[in-house]
Amino acid sequence: MLIDDYVSELDRALCGPPGPKRDLVVEARDSLLDTAEALEAEGLDREEAERQAVKEFGDIAEITPGYQMELTAASGRRLGTLLFVSVPITVAMWSVLWRIYPGDAAAWAAAPAWSGVVSELIDVLQLATGVYGGLVVFALSRGARWIKRPRLAIRSMAFMVFGTLAITAGLSLVLSLALDTSASLAPLPALLANLVTSAMWGLQIYGATQCVRVTRS
C-alpha cells in the first residue's frame, strides 16, 4: 500500500521519544486513510485514492521539519519535567536522611571546614538544574511565543545535566573521602537512597542524550 510505504518513510525520517513519535505517525496514517477513503467514495480506485491522499499530504521532506519540531519540544518537556520533579526530591531525600541518621557527632566535628561548603554547593548545583528544567518546560509551553530558539534551550539543558552530574559526582566523592560516611548512615536507608539517586541520574542521562540527538541538526 502506498500509504503504508509513506508512513514507514516518515517514521524513519523522524527522531524523538518513542511514545510521541508513534502518536504522530499513527495520526498521520489515520489522516491519510480517511482522505483515501473519502476519495475512493468519490469514485477513484483504491490505488489512485491513496496516491492522491499522499500527494495532498505533502512530500516527506516538506512535512518532516514540522513533525520533528514537535518531537524535539516533547523531548525537552520530558527532560525538563523530570529535572523539575526528581532533583528536589533527591535533595530533600538526602537532607531528611542525614537529619534522621546524623551519625557520629565526633566524626562531624573532625570533618574539614570546607566540607559544609562542598555539601551546600552540591545542593545548589542540583537545585539550579531543577529550576532550569522547570523554566525550559514553561518556555516550551506557555512561553513558546517568547522563545525564539527552543532547540538551543533544550540542548543547553541537556549539556547542563551532563555537566552538573559530573561535577556533583566528583564533589560527592571528595566529600565522602573527607568524611567517615561508613559510620554515618544506617546501611539500609543509605542503600535505598543511593538506588533512588542512581535511578534518577540514569533517567536524566537518558533524557539528556535524547535531547542532544533531536537537536543535533
Foldseek 3Di string as FASTA:
>chain_A
DLLVVQLVVLLVLAAADPPLSVVVSVVLSVQLVVQLVVVVVVPDDNVVSSVVSVVVVHDSVVCNVVSLVVRLLVLLLVLLVLLLPQLVVLLVLVVVQCVVQVFDPVQVVQFDPCLVVLNVVLNVLSVVLNVLSPVLNCCSPVVVVVDDCNLVSSLVSLVSLVVSVVVSVVSVVVSCVRTVVVRRGDVPSVVVSVVSVVVSSVVSNVSSVSSCVSSVD
